Amino acid sequence: MNVIIIEDEKPSARRLQRMLESLEMKTQVMLHSVEESIQWFQNNEHPDLIFLDIQLSDGLSFEIFEAIEIKSAVIFTTAYDEYALQAFKLNSIDYLLKPIDKEELDVAVKKYKDRLPKNHAVTLDFNEIKKLLVNPIDREYKKRFSVKVGQHLKLINIDDIECFYSENKGTYLHTNEGRNYLLDTTLELLEDELEPQNFFRINRKFFVNINAIKDMVSYTNSRLQIKLNSYNDQDVIVARERVKDFKNWLE
């Protein structure tokens, strides 16, 4: 099994490497930043399993997945508090809270091995791993999001959200009241958390709520422009390759 560690704190990376060696797992390489990781994945065969810190020295590790189609399973290692952990858990094999406990590491590795199909090659696409985690029949989608407002946390019900969008490497939600809030996630991770009957990803930058659409207008290059109830910060355009699926979603 090929394993890599992505961790900006080198002592923590070396400690995890020693713990993995005690489980007879050899670390192929240790990476320490978003930029370094992207470059490595562009030029090397992807490993079977990644141990991935969330907060790296040059940004959130989710930026790696936005730049590269990762073909590996992921176990997060993080110092984030409990509300953030809940947001990420469904999109990984497991998470390990720092400082990493050896018994918890053993359980996480066993969980990864147990979820591999018996006759499947060891290396799996990241999206395939996500599909193994949650049976669609049993899936529960997000009903609310927690956002930080100053020193406080505010809960926003999913029905009060018009759209999710990305801007300047940040991910935001926009409410029916016309407020924008920064989220600690990415649109890619939201894809498995939003009820598909209510939310549709119209392009790389937007998810829209079907209940927030007030008008749709033909746009250049066979695209559609969406008018939402209150959001008007930038044009909301259905990508040409998504128009057909979008129309089917509306029915």
C-alpha atoms as a PDB file:
ATOM      1  CA  MET A   1       0.000   0.000   0.000  1.00  0.00           C
ATOM      2  CA  ASN A   2       1.422   3.370  -1.048  1.00  0.00           C
ATOM      3  CA  VAL A   3       0.870   6.155   1.467  1.00  0.00           C
ATOM      4  CA  ILE A   4       1.757   9.836   1.518  1.00  0.00           C
ATOM      5  CA  ILE A   5       1.504  12.394   4.299  1.00  0.00           C
ATOM      6  CA  ILE A   6       0.581  16.022   3.605  1.00  0.00           C
ATOM      7  CA  GLU A   7       1.383  18.022   6.731  1.00  0.00           C
ATOM      8  CA  ASP A   8       3.042  21.430   7.123  1.00  0.00           C
ATOM      9  CA  GLU A   9       4.367  20.698  10.626  1.00  0.00           C
ATOM     10  CA  LYS A  10       7.395  18.478   9.967  1.00  0.00           C
ATOM     11  CA  PRO A  11       7.648  17.050  13.526  1.00  0.00           C
ATOM     12  CA  SER A  12       3.993  15.992  13.299  1.00  0.00           C
ATOM     13  CA  ALA A  13       4.620  14.453   9.875  1.00  0.00           C
ATOM     14  CA  ARG A  14       7.599  12.463  11.170  1.00  0.00           C
ATOM     15  CA  ARG A  15       5.618  11.275  14.203  1.00  0.00           C
ATOM     16  CA  LEU A  16       2.788  10.066  11.974  1.00  0.00           C
ATOM     17  CA  GLN A  17       5.326   8.358   9.708  1.00  0.00           C
ATOM     18  CA  ARG A  18       6.730   6.394  12.666  1.00  0.00           C
ATOM     19  CA  MET A  19       3.235   5.399  13.784  1.00  0.00           C
ATOM     20  CA  LEU A  20       2.407   4.144  10.300  1.00  0.00           C
ATOM     21  CA  GLU A  21       5.646   2.148  10.198  1.00  0.00           C
ATOM     22  CA  SER A  22       4.521   0.380  13.371  1.00  0.00           C
ATOM     23  CA  LEU A  23       1.436  -0.672  11.375  1.00  0.00           C
ATOM     24  CA  GLU A  24       3.714  -1.920   8.580  1.00  0.00           C
ATOM     25  CA  MET A  25       2.712   0.945   6.280  1.00  0.00           C
ATOM     26  CA  LYS A  26       5.537   2.673   4.430  1.00  0.00           C
ATOM     27  CA  THR A  27       5.244   6.389   3.703  1.00  0.00           C
ATOM     28  CA  GLN A  28       6.128   7.095   0.093  1.00  0.00           C
ATOM     29  CA  VAL A  29       6.686  10.829   0.497  1.00  0.00           C
ATOM     30  CA  MET A  30       5.877  13.719   2.858  1.00  0.00           C
ATOM     31  CA  LEU A  31       4.556  17.001   1.435  1.00  0.00           C
ATOM     32  CA  HIS A  32       4.192  20.249   3.327  1.00  0.00           C
ATOM     33  CA  SER A  33       2.112  22.766   1.349  1.00  0.00           C
ATOM     34  CA  VAL A  34      -0.743  23.127  -1.141  1.00  0.00           C
ATOM     35  CA  GLU A  35       1.617  24.236  -3.918  1.00  0.00           C
ATOM     36  CA  GLU A  36       4.102  21.430  -3.321  1.00  0.00           C
ATOM     37  CA  SER A  37       1.299  18.861  -3.216  1.00  0.00           C
ATOM     38  CA  ILE A  38      -0.260  20.035  -6.483  1.00  0.00           C
ATOM     39  CA  GLN A  39       3.106  19.856  -8.234  1.00  0.00           C
ATOM     40  CA  TRP A  40       3.750  16.370  -6.859  1.00  0.00           C
ATOM     41  CA  PHE A  41       0.353  14.995  -7.947  1.00  0.00           C
ATOM     42  CA  GLN A  42       0.861  16.446 -11.418  1.00  0.00           C
ATOM     43  CA  ASN A  43       4.072  14.477 -11.887  1.00  0.00           C
ATOM     44  CA  ASN A  44       3.632  11.258  -9.914  1.00  0.00           C
ATOM     45  CA  GLU A  45       1.341   8.253  -9.714  1.00  0.00           C
ATOM     46  CA  HIS A  46      -1.269   8.834  -7.022  1.00  0.00           C
ATOM     47  CA  PRO A  47      -0.943   6.759  -3.830  1.00  0.00           C
ATOM     48  CA  ASP A  48      -3.539   4.424  -2.342  1.00  0.00           C
ATOM     49  CA  LEU A  49      -4.050   6.535   0.772  1.00  0.00           C
ATOM     50  CA  ILE A  50      -3.358  10.142   1.811  1.00  0.00           C
ATOM     51  CA  PHE A  51      -3.090  11.422   5.365  1.00  0.00           C
ATOM     52  CA  LEU A  52      -4.084  15.032   4.872  1.00  0.00           C
ATOM     53  CA  ASP A  53      -3.858  18.001   7.222  1.00  0.00           C
ATOM     54  CA  ILE A  54      -6.616  20.563   6.567  1.00  0.00           C
ATOM     55  CA  GLN A  55      -4.739  23.769   7.372  1.00  0.00           C
ATOM     56  CA  LEU A  56      -1.436  23.983   5.483  1.00  0.00           C
ATOM     57  CA  SER A  57       1.095  26.802   5.477  1.00  0.00           C
ATOM     58  CA  ASP A  58      -0.196  28.317   2.205  1.00  0.00           C
ATOM     59  CA  GLY A  59      -3.933  27.591   2.467  1.00  0.00           C
ATOM     60  CA  LEU A  60      -6.585  24.924   2.987  1.00  0.00           C
ATOM     61  CA  SER A  61      -5.746  21.499   1.598  1.00  0.00           C
ATOM     62  CA  PHE A  62      -9.118  21.423  -0.211  1.00  0.00           C
ATOM     63  CA  GLU A  63      -7.476  23.658  -2.825  1.00  0.00           C
ATOM     64  CA  ILE A  64      -5.502  20.587  -3.912  1.00  0.00           C
ATOM     65  CA  PHE A  65      -8.735  18.843  -4.944  1.00  0.00           C
ATOM     66  CA  GLU A  66      -9.857  21.908  -6.874  1.00  0.00           C
ATOM     67  CA  ALA A  67      -6.651  21.845  -8.920  1.00  0.00           C
ATOM     68  CA  ILE A  68      -6.113  18.079  -9.307  1.00  0.00           C
ATOM     69  CA  GLU A  69      -8.404  15.069  -9.680  1.00  0.00           C
ATOM     70  CA  ILE A  70      -7.052  13.064  -6.763  1.00  0.00           C
ATOM     71  CA  LYS A  71      -7.179   9.294  -7.269  1.00  0.00           C
ATOM     72  CA  SER A  72      -6.659   8.287  -3.669  1.00  0.00           C
ATOM     73  CA  ALA A  73      -8.526   7.664  -0.448  1.00  0.00           C
ATOM     74  CA  VAL A  74      -8.131  10.320   2.244  1.00  0.00           C
ATOM     75  CA  ILE A  75      -7.896  10.333   6.026  1.00  0.00           C
ATOM     76  CA  PHE A  76      -7.921  13.857   7.423  1.00  0.00           C
ATOM     77  CA  THR A  77      -5.596  14.837  10.251  1.00  0.00           C
ATOM     78  CA  THR A  78      -6.735  18.071  11.832  1.00  0.00           C
ATOM     79  CA  ALA A  79      -6.736  20.343  14.842  1.00  0.00           C
ATOM     80  CA  TYR A  80     -10.110  21.830  13.840  1.00  0.00           C
ATOM     81  CA  ASP A  81     -12.913  22.024  16.403  1.00  0.00           C
ATOM     82  CA  GLU A  82     -15.943  19.775  16.417  1.00  0.00           C
ATOM     83  CA  TYR A  83     -18.293  21.717  14.138  1.00  0.00           C
ATOM     84  CA  ALA A  84     -15.739  21.754  11.321  1.00  0.00           C
ATOM     85  CA  LEU A  85     -15.004  18.068  11.713  1.00  0.00           C
ATOM     86  CA  GLN A  86     -18.644  17.212  11.183  1.00  0.00           C
ATOM     87  CA  ALA A  87     -18.630  19.103   7.887  1.00  0.00           C
ATOM     88  CA  PHE A  88     -15.712  17.114   6.528  1.00  0.00           C
ATOM     89  CA  LYS A  89     -16.380  13.644   7.834  1.00  0.00           C
ATOM     90  CA  LEU A  90     -18.625  12.370   5.044  1.00  0.00           C
ATOM     91  CA  ASN A  91     -16.018  13.223   2.447  1.00  0.00           C
ATOM     92  CA  SER A  92     -13.209  11.097   3.849  1.00  0.00           C
ATOM     93  CA  ILE A  93     -12.536   7.657   5.220  1.00  0.00           C
ATOM     94  CA  ASP A  94     -12.092   9.184   8.660  1.00  0.00           C
ATOM     95  CA  TYR A  95     -10.549  12.097  10.533  1.00  0.00           C
ATOM     96  CA  LEU A  96      -7.936  12.030  13.245  1.00  0.00           C
ATOM     97  CA  LEU A  97      -7.763  14.782  15.807  1.00  0.00           C
ATOM     98  CA  LYS A  98      -4.274  15.995  16.666  1.00  0.00           C
ATOM     99  CA  PRO A  99      -2.288  14.865  18.553  1.00  0.00           C
ATOM    100  CA  ILE A 100      -2.990  11.582  16.801  1.00  0.00           C
ATOM    101  CA  ASP A 101      -3.725   8.614  19.021  1.00  0.00           C
ATOM    102  CA  LYS A 102      -2.205   5.300  17.882  1.00  0.00           C
ATOM    103  CA  GLU A 103      -5.375   3.305  18.568  1.00  0.00           C
ATOM    104  CA  GLU A 104      -7.493   5.778  16.584  1.00  0.00           C
ATOM    105  CA  LEU A 105      -4.982   5.608  13.741  1.00  0.00           C
ATOM    106  CA  ASP A 106      -5.243   1.819  13.744  1.00  0.00           C
ATOM    107  CA  VAL A 107      -9.053   2.027  13.589  1.00  0.00           C
ATOM    108  CA  ALA A 108      -8.963   4.535  10.709  1.00  0.00           C
ATOM    109  CA  VAL A 109      -6.594   2.376   8.662  1.00  0.00           C
ATOM    110  CA  LYS A 110      -8.713  -0.714   9.317  1.00  0.00           C
ATOM    111  CA  LYS A 111     -11.816   1.218   8.248  1.00  0.00           C
ATOM    112  CA  TYR A 112     -10.131   2.067   4.944  1.00  0.00           C
ATOM    113  CA  LYS A 113      -9.109  -1.543   4.326  1.00  0.00           C
ATOM    114  CA  ASP A 114     -12.556  -2.899   5.234  1.00  0.00           C
ATOM    115  CA  ARG A 115     -14.285  -0.583   2.760  1.00  0.00           C
ATOM    116  CA  LEU A 116     -12.214  -1.684  -0.197  1.00  0.00           C
ATOM    117  CA  PRO A 117     -14.193  -4.012  -2.509  1.00  0.00           C
ATOM    118  CA  LYS A 118     -12.666  -7.473  -2.366  1.00  0.00           C
ATOM    119  CA  ASN A 119     -11.890  -7.666  -6.083  1.00  0.00           C
ATOM    120  CA  HIS A 120     -11.064  -4.008  -6.628  1.00  0.00           C
ATOM    121  CA  ALA A 121      -7.645  -2.612  -7.386  1.00  0.00           C
ATOM    122  CA  VAL A 122      -6.149  -0.921  -4.336  1.00  0.00           C
ATOM    123  CA  THR A 123      -6.013   2.566  -5.851  1.00  0.00           C
ATOM    124  CA  LEU A 124      -9.467   4.121  -6.099  1.00  0.00           C
ATOM    125  CA  ASP A 125     -10.717   7.401  -7.430  1.00  0.00           C
ATOM    126  CA  PHE A 126     -11.489   9.918  -4.646  1.00  0.00           C
ATOM    127  CA  ASN A 127     -15.129  10.142  -5.760  1.00  0.00           C
ATOM    128  CA  GLU A 128     -15.459   6.353  -5.647  1.00  0.00           C
ATOM    129  CA  ILE A 129     -14.254   6.365  -2.061  1.00  0.00           C
ATOM    130  CA  LYS A 130     -16.872   8.976  -1.177  1.00  0.00           C
ATOM    131  CA  LYS A 131     -19.589   6.810  -2.715  1.00  0.00           C
ATOM    132  CA  LEU A 132     -18.533   3.885  -0.536  1.00  0.00           C
ATOM    133  CA  LEU A 133     -19.032   5.915   2.609  1.00  0.00           C
ATOM    134  CA  VAL A 134     -22.738   6.663   2.363  1.00  0.00           C
ATOM    135  CA  ASN A 135     -25.503   4.550   0.929  1.00  0.00           C
ATOM    136  CA  PRO A 136     -27.643   6.987  -1.124  1.00  0.00           C
ATOM    137  CA  ILE A 137     -30.782   5.361   0.263  1.00  0.00           C
ATOM    138  CA  ASP A 138     -29.694   6.144   3.827  1.00  0.00           C
ATOM    139  CA  ARG A 139     -28.091   9.513   3.121  1.00  0.00           C
ATOM    140  CA  GLU A 140     -29.117  12.498   5.184  1.00  0.00           C
ATOM    141  CA  TYR A 141     -28.367  15.835   3.545  1.00  0.00           C
ATOM    142  CA  LYS A 142     -27.351  18.995   5.365  1.00  0.00           C
ATOM    143  CA  LYS A 143     -30.219  20.785   7.080  1.00  0.00           C
ATOM    144  CA  ARG A 144     -28.224  23.736   8.391  1.00  0.00           C
ATOM    145  CA  PHE A 145     -24.799  25.370   8.216  1.00  0.00           C
ATOM    146  CA  SER A 146     -22.799  27.020  10.972  1.00  0.00           C
ATOM    147  CA  VAL A 147     -21.025  30.251  10.046  1.00  0.00           C
ATOM    148  CA  LYS A 148     -18.713  32.459  12.037  1.00  0.00           C
ATOM    149  CA  VAL A 149     -19.892  35.988  12.774  1.00  0.00           C
ATOM    150  CA  GLY A 150     -17.218  37.787  14.765  1.00  0.00           C
ATOM    151  CA  GLN A 151     -16.586  35.598  17.806  1.00  0.00           C
ATOM    152  CA  HIS A 152     -19.959  33.890  17.497  1.00  0.00           C
ATOM    153  CA  LEU A 153     -21.380  30.979  15.533  1.00  0.00           C
ATOM    154  CA  LYS A 154     -24.647  31.446  13.665  1.00  0.00           C
ATOM    155  CA  LEU A 155     -26.836  28.599  12.396  1.00  0.00           C
ATOM    156  CA  ILE A 156     -28.491  29.039   8.995  1.00  0.00           C
ATOM    157  CA  ASN A 157     -31.217  26.642   7.886  1.00  0.00           C
ATOM    158  CA  ILE A 158     -30.830  25.194   4.412  1.00  0.00           C
ATOM    159  CA  ASP A 159     -34.242  26.564   3.364  1.00  0.00           C
ATOM    160  CA  ASP A 160     -32.968  30.101   4.003  1.00  0.00           C
ATOM    161  CA  ILE A 161     -30.095  29.762   1.515  1.00  0.00           C
ATOM    162  CA  GLU A 162     -30.498  31.006  -2.074  1.00  0.00           C
ATOM    163  CA  CYS A 163     -27.154  29.860  -3.423  1.00  0.00           C
ATOM    164  CA  PHE A 164     -23.593  28.804  -2.683  1.00  0.00           C
ATOM    165  CA  TYR A 165     -20.768  30.358  -4.681  1.00  0.00           C
ATOM    166  CA  SER A 166     -16.979  30.593  -4.821  1.00  0.00           C
ATOM    167  CA  GLU A 167     -15.067  33.848  -5.054  1.00  0.00           C
ATOM    168  CA  ASN A 168     -11.388  34.686  -4.508  1.00  0.00           C
ATOM    169  CA  LYS A 169     -10.667  31.114  -3.331  1.00  0.00           C
ATOM    170  CA  GLY A 170     -13.425  31.354  -0.722  1.00  0.00           C
ATOM    171  CA  THR A 171     -16.791  29.569  -0.582  1.00  0.00           C
ATOM    172  CA  TYR A 172     -19.867  31.535   0.479  1.00  0.00           C
ATOM    173  CA  LEU A 173     -23.558  31.053   1.078  1.00  0.00           C
ATOM    174  CA  HIS A 174     -26.121  33.740   0.269  1.00  0.00           C
ATOM    175  CA  THR A 175     -29.336  33.934   2.298  1.00  0.00           C
ATOM    176  CA  ASN A 176     -32.873  34.983   1.434  1.00  0.00           C
ATOM    177  CA  GLU A 177     -32.203  38.106   3.513  1.00  0.00           C
ATOM    178  CA  GLY A 178     -29.392  39.143   1.162  1.00  0.00           C
ATOM    179  CA  ARG A 179     -26.510  38.299   3.493  1.00  0.00           C
ATOM    180  CA  ASN A 180     -23.280  36.546   2.458  1.00  0.00           C
ATOM    181  CA  TYR A 181     -21.346  34.281   4.820  1.00  0.00           C
ATOM    182  CA  LEU A 182     -17.948  32.635   4.362  1.00  0.00           C
ATOM    183  CA  LEU A 183     -17.879  28.843   4.768  1.00  0.00           C
ATOM    184  CA  ASP A 184     -15.010  26.587   5.784  1.00  0.00           C
ATOM    185  CA  THR A 185     -15.487  24.160   2.875  1.00  0.00           C
ATOM    186  CA  THR A 186     -15.463  23.986  -0.935  1.00  0.00           C
ATOM    187  CA  LEU A 187     -18.121  23.560  -3.608  1.00  0.00           C
ATOM    188  CA  GLU A 188     -16.695  20.112  -4.327  1.00  0.00           C
ATOM    189  CA  LEU A 189     -17.389  18.987  -0.771  1.00  0.00           C
ATOM    190  CA  LEU A 190     -20.850  20.552  -0.833  1.00  0.00           C
ATOM    191  CA  GLU A 191     -21.765  18.382  -3.801  1.00  0.00           C
ATOM    192  CA  ASP A 192     -22.443  15.388  -1.538  1.00  0.00           C
ATOM    193  CA  GLU A 193     -24.053  17.431   1.247  1.00  0.00           C
ATOM    194  CA  LEU A 194     -26.829  19.242  -0.627  1.00  0.00           C
ATOM    195  CA  GLU A 195     -30.201  17.730  -1.454  1.00  0.00           C
ATOM    196  CA  PRO A 196     -30.056  17.301  -5.270  1.00  0.00           C
ATOM    197  CA  GLN A 197     -33.771  17.961  -5.689  1.00  0.00           C
ATOM    198  CA  ASN A 198     -33.322  21.443  -4.251  1.00  0.00           C
ATOM    199  CA  PHE A 199     -29.781  22.458  -5.241  1.00  0.00           C
ATOM    200  CA  PHE A 200     -28.103  22.254  -8.641  1.00  0.00           C
ATOM    201  CA  ARG A 201     -24.536  23.111  -9.600  1.00  0.00           C
ATOM    202  CA  ILE A 202     -24.988  25.292 -12.670  1.00  0.00           C
ATOM    203  CA  ASN A 203     -21.256  25.933 -13.255  1.00  0.00           C
ATOM    204  CA  ARG A 204     -17.897  25.727 -11.504  1.00  0.00           C
ATOM    205  CA  LYS A 205     -18.785  28.628  -9.215  1.00  0.00           C
ATOM    206  CA  PHE A 206     -22.456  28.241  -8.262  1.00  0.00           C
ATOM    207  CA  PHE A 207     -25.040  26.005  -6.632  1.00  0.00           C
ATOM    208  CA  VAL A 208     -28.564  27.468  -6.826  1.00  0.00           C
ATOM    209  CA  ASN A 209     -31.690  26.680  -4.810  1.00  0.00           C
ATOM    210  CA  ILE A 210     -34.658  25.898  -7.054  1.00  0.00           C
ATOM    211  CA  ASN A 211     -36.933  27.846  -4.694  1.00  0.00           C
ATOM    212  CA  ALA A 212     -34.845  31.018  -5.126  1.00  0.00           C
ATOM    213  CA  ILE A 213     -35.127  31.215  -8.933  1.00  0.00           C
ATOM    214  CA  LYS A 214     -37.398  34.052 -10.034  1.00  0.00           C
ATOM    215  CA  ASP A 215     -36.506  34.199 -13.745  1.00  0.00           C
ATOM    216  CA  MET A 216     -34.455  32.483 -16.473  1.00  0.00           C
ATOM    217  CA  VAL A 217     -33.251  34.243 -19.613  1.00  0.00           C
ATOM    218  CA  SER A 218     -31.545  32.976 -22.776  1.00  0.00           C
ATOM    219  CA  TYR A 219     -27.882  33.969 -22.798  1.00  0.00           C
ATOM    220  CA  THR A 220     -25.019  33.917 -25.290  1.00  0.00           C
ATOM    221  CA  ASN A 221     -23.503  30.633 -26.529  1.00  0.00           C
ATOM    222  CA  SER A 222     -26.635  28.584 -25.755  1.00  0.00           C
ATOM    223  CA  ARG A 223     -26.407  29.327 -22.033  1.00  0.00           C
ATOM    224  CA  LEU A 224     -29.014  30.485 -19.527  1.00  0.00           C
ATOM    225  CA  GLN A 225     -28.881  33.397 -17.126  1.00  0.00           C
ATOM    226  CA  ILE A 226     -30.564  32.841 -13.762  1.00  0.00           C
ATOM    227  CA  LYS A 227     -32.195  35.616 -11.765  1.00  0.00           C
ATOM    228  CA  LEU A 228     -32.402  34.869  -8.051  1.00  0.00           C
ATOM    229  CA  ASN A 229     -34.670  36.562  -5.527  1.00  0.00           C
ATOM    230  CA  SER A 230     -31.978  38.671  -3.861  1.00  0.00           C
ATOM    231  CA  TYR A 231     -28.507  37.675  -5.084  1.00  0.00           C
ATOM    232  CA  ASN A 232     -27.158  40.129  -7.699  1.00  0.00           C
ATOM    233  CA  ASP A 233     -23.439  40.456  -6.908  1.00  0.00           C
ATOM    234  CA  GLN A 234     -22.392  38.763 -10.169  1.00  0.00           C
ATOM    235  CA  ASP A 235     -24.015  37.087 -13.165  1.00  0.00           C
ATOM    236  CA  VAL A 236     -25.416  33.626 -12.448  1.00  0.00           C
ATOM    237  CA  ILE A 237     -24.983  31.662 -15.677  1.00  0.00           C
ATOM    238  CA  VAL A 238     -25.785  28.023 -16.438  1.00  0.00           C
ATOM    239  CA  ALA A 239     -22.775  26.588 -18.274  1.00  0.00           C
ATOM    240  CA  ARG A 240     -23.566  25.399 -21.792  1.00  0.00           C
ATOM    241  CA  GLU A 241     -22.699  21.777 -20.990  1.00  0.00           C
ATOM    242  CA  ARG A 242     -25.029  21.905 -17.977  1.00  0.00           C
ATOM    243  CA  VAL A 243     -28.097  23.438 -19.640  1.00  0.00           C
ATOM    244  CA  LYS A 244     -29.719  20.129 -20.618  1.00  0.00           C
ATOM    245  CA  ASP A 245     -29.285  18.637 -17.135  1.00  0.00           C
ATOM    246  CA  PHE A 246     -30.473  21.879 -15.583  1.00  0.00           C
ATOM    247  CA  LYS A 247     -33.699  21.827 -17.607  1.00  0.00           C
ATOM    248  CA  ASN A 248     -34.277  18.207 -16.626  1.00  0.00           C
ATOM    249  CA  TRP A 249     -33.706  19.131 -12.994  1.00  0.00           C
ATOM    250  CA  LEU A 250     -36.401  21.807 -13.193  1.00  0.00           C
ATOM    251  CA  GLU A 251     -39.067  19.336 -14.290  1.00  0.00           C
END
